[in-house]
Amino acid sequence: MKINFTKWKDKKRGKSEMRKRKMSVVSQVTIGILSVVLAIYLGVICYFGGAIHPFTSSRSQAIEIAKSHTDLKTPEAFGTATTNETTYSVIGLDKTGKEIGVIIPKNSSKLTVVELSKGISPEKLKEKDTTSIVLGLYHNQTIWEVNNASDFKIYDFKTGQQLM
């Protein structure tokens, strides 16, 4: 029985030639650019993921509190108002289909529930440059906080009178 060492040497030579082959400059630059782009993309994802976490956490906690302590059935909107205190608000439908707002103070366990039909519509307070309208509390009074790019105004929930 004769062993053919030539085939084995050829296979071995082929592998070593592959190891000696160098990547072209274009391939190296392409891989380098893709690596940098991937690193930037992952960095941006991590940064914004961490930045938005407090908002999503507050939102889910506020909805859970509103559902468990009131008649809120279907939450539709969430907002944060900061006046003399920070409050979270959840607007939605109760079990009878009425639109209600639940205001949850950040540093208190006292919830305020209002029927939105008993107050002024936020659409009436909307101005040309309004960015958001949020239900909140100002000195224990229910208010609408109307925000725009440069400042905010506070209106009484029932009358629509500007308070600040």
Protein backbone atom coordinates (compact mmCIF):
# COMPACT_ATOMS: atom_id res chain seq x y z
CA MET A 1 0.00 0.00 0.00
CA LYS A 2 1.40 3.27 -1.13
CA ILE A 3 0.43 6.61 0.43
CA ASN A 4 0.22 9.58 -1.84
CA PHE A 5 1.92 12.44 0.04
CA THR A 6 1.66 14.80 -2.92
CA LYS A 7 -2.06 15.42 -2.41
CA TRP A 8 -1.50 16.10 1.27
CA LYS A 9 1.30 18.58 0.51
CA ASP A 10 -0.89 20.36 -2.07
CA LYS A 11 -3.70 20.79 0.42
CA LYS A 12 -1.29 22.07 3.04
CA ARG A 13 0.30 24.47 0.57
CA GLY A 14 -3.13 25.87 -0.36
CA LYS A 15 -3.93 26.73 3.26
CA SER A 16 -0.60 28.42 3.88
CA GLU A 17 -1.02 30.45 0.70
CA MET A 18 -4.41 31.64 1.98
CA ARG A 19 -2.76 32.78 5.20
CA LYS A 20 -0.14 34.75 3.33
CA ARG A 21 -2.66 36.54 1.11
CA LYS A 22 -3.18 40.15 2.25
CA MET A 23 -6.41 42.13 2.21
CA SER A 24 -6.58 44.95 -0.28
CA VAL A 25 -6.54 48.55 0.96
CA VAL A 26 -10.13 49.02 -0.23
CA SER A 27 -11.28 46.05 1.86
CA GLN A 28 -9.43 47.32 4.92
CA VAL A 29 -10.91 50.82 4.58
CA THR A 30 -14.41 49.42 4.02
CA ILE A 31 -14.22 47.20 7.10
CA GLY A 32 -12.81 50.10 9.13
CA ILE A 33 -15.59 52.48 8.09
CA LEU A 34 -18.28 49.88 8.75
CA SER A 35 -16.80 49.20 12.19
CA VAL A 36 -16.83 52.91 13.08
CA VAL A 37 -20.40 53.34 11.81
CA LEU A 38 -21.54 50.30 13.80
CA ALA A 39 -19.84 51.61 16.96
CA ILE A 40 -21.50 55.03 16.56
CA TYR A 41 -24.89 53.43 15.91
CA LEU A 42 -24.63 51.25 19.03
CA GLY A 43 -23.50 54.25 21.09
CA VAL A 44 -26.49 56.33 19.95
CA ILE A 45 -28.90 53.47 20.68
CA CYS A 46 -27.48 53.04 24.19
CA TYR A 47 -27.53 56.80 24.87
CA PHE A 48 -31.13 57.38 23.78
CA GLY A 49 -32.30 54.14 25.36
CA GLY A 50 -30.95 55.35 28.68
CA ALA A 51 -32.30 58.86 28.17
CA ILE A 52 -35.87 57.74 27.47
CA HIS A 53 -36.01 55.13 30.25
CA PRO A 54 -37.15 57.54 33.03
CA PHE A 55 -40.06 58.74 30.86
CA THR A 56 -41.26 55.27 29.94
CA SER A 57 -40.85 54.09 33.52
CA SER A 58 -42.87 57.05 34.89
CA ARG A 59 -45.51 56.53 32.22
CA SER A 60 -46.02 52.84 32.97
CA GLN A 61 -46.08 53.44 36.75
CA ALA A 62 -48.60 56.29 36.41
CA ILE A 63 -50.90 54.21 34.20
CA GLU A 64 -50.68 51.28 36.61
CA ILE A 65 -51.53 53.53 39.61
CA ALA A 66 -54.38 55.23 37.74
CA LYS A 67 -55.92 51.92 36.66
CA SER A 68 -55.64 50.31 40.09
CA HIS A 69 -56.93 53.27 42.17
CA THR A 70 -59.60 54.78 39.87
CA ASP A 71 -62.21 53.73 37.32
CA LEU A 72 -59.78 54.35 34.43
CA LYS A 73 -60.14 51.56 31.90
CA THR A 74 -58.48 52.77 28.68
CA PRO A 75 -55.52 55.17 29.04
CA GLU A 76 -55.08 57.41 25.99
CA ALA A 77 -52.54 60.09 26.98
CA PHE A 78 -49.81 60.67 29.54
CA GLY A 79 -48.13 63.90 30.56
CA THR A 80 -45.86 65.47 33.13
CA ALA A 81 -46.57 68.97 34.45
CA THR A 82 -44.11 70.86 36.62
CA THR A 83 -45.53 73.93 38.35
CA ASN A 84 -45.03 74.37 42.09
CA GLU A 85 -44.88 70.55 42.18
CA THR A 86 -44.38 67.79 39.63
CA THR A 87 -47.48 65.85 38.67
CA TYR A 88 -48.14 63.02 36.24
CA SER A 89 -51.45 62.86 34.43
CA VAL A 90 -53.19 60.05 32.63
CA ILE A 91 -56.16 60.84 30.41
CA GLY A 92 -58.49 58.15 29.16
CA LEU A 93 -61.89 56.52 29.34
CA ASP A 94 -63.45 55.14 32.49
CA LYS A 95 -65.60 52.02 32.73
CA THR A 96 -68.72 53.95 31.67
CA GLY A 97 -67.03 55.53 28.63
CA LYS A 98 -66.59 59.02 30.11
CA GLU A 99 -63.31 60.79 29.46
CA ILE A 100 -61.47 61.37 32.74
CA GLY A 101 -58.13 62.71 33.85
CA VAL A 102 -56.16 61.25 36.73
CA ILE A 103 -53.54 63.53 38.30
CA ILE A 104 -50.82 61.85 40.36
CA PRO A 105 -48.51 64.12 42.41
CA LYS A 106 -44.90 62.94 42.42
CA ASN A 107 -44.44 63.39 46.18
CA SER A 108 -47.91 62.48 47.42
CA SER A 109 -50.31 59.56 47.32
CA LYS A 110 -53.41 61.77 46.90
CA LEU A 111 -54.89 61.23 43.43
CA THR A 112 -57.14 63.80 41.76
CA VAL A 113 -59.74 62.52 39.29
CA VAL A 114 -61.60 64.97 37.04
CA GLU A 115 -64.21 64.51 34.34
CA LEU A 116 -62.84 66.31 31.31
CA SER A 117 -66.35 67.31 30.21
CA LYS A 118 -66.65 69.47 33.35
CA GLY A 119 -63.70 71.67 32.38
CA ILE A 120 -62.63 73.77 29.43
CA SER A 121 -61.46 71.84 26.39
CA PRO A 122 -57.68 71.92 25.88
CA GLU A 123 -58.32 72.65 22.19
CA LYS A 124 -59.67 76.09 23.17
CA LEU A 125 -56.34 76.89 24.84
CA LYS A 126 -54.20 75.77 21.93
CA GLU A 127 -52.17 78.53 20.27
CA LYS A 128 -50.23 78.60 17.04
CA ASP A 129 -46.91 77.59 18.64
CA THR A 130 -48.25 75.17 21.28
CA THR A 131 -46.16 72.02 21.65
CA SER A 132 -48.18 70.27 24.38
CA ILE A 133 -51.09 70.68 26.77
CA VAL A 134 -50.87 68.75 30.03
CA LEU A 135 -53.31 68.31 32.89
CA GLY A 136 -51.78 69.13 36.28
CA LEU A 137 -52.07 70.80 39.67
CA TYR A 138 -51.08 74.31 40.73
CA HIS A 139 -51.51 75.07 44.45
CA ASN A 140 -53.92 72.10 44.70
CA GLN A 141 -56.06 73.51 41.87
CA THR A 142 -56.63 71.53 38.65
CA ILE A 143 -55.01 73.29 35.69
CA TRP A 144 -54.01 72.94 32.06
CA GLU A 145 -50.31 73.59 31.45
CA VAL A 146 -49.87 74.88 27.88
CA ASN A 147 -46.28 74.56 26.65
CA ASN A 148 -44.56 76.07 23.63
CA ALA A 149 -40.93 76.21 22.53
CA SER A 150 -39.95 79.12 24.79
CA ASP A 151 -42.27 79.10 27.84
CA PHE A 152 -45.50 77.81 29.36
CA LYS A 153 -48.80 79.19 30.61
CA ILE A 154 -51.15 77.85 33.25
CA TYR A 155 -54.93 77.99 32.84
CA ASP A 156 -57.69 77.11 35.29
CA PHE A 157 -59.22 73.75 34.35
CA LYS A 158 -62.85 74.83 34.82
CA THR A 159 -62.87 78.47 33.64
CA GLY A 160 -59.92 78.67 31.26
CA GLN A 161 -58.68 81.81 33.04
CA GLN A 162 -54.92 82.29 32.77
CA LEU A 163 -53.30 81.87 36.19
CA MET A 164 -49.67 82.28 35.21
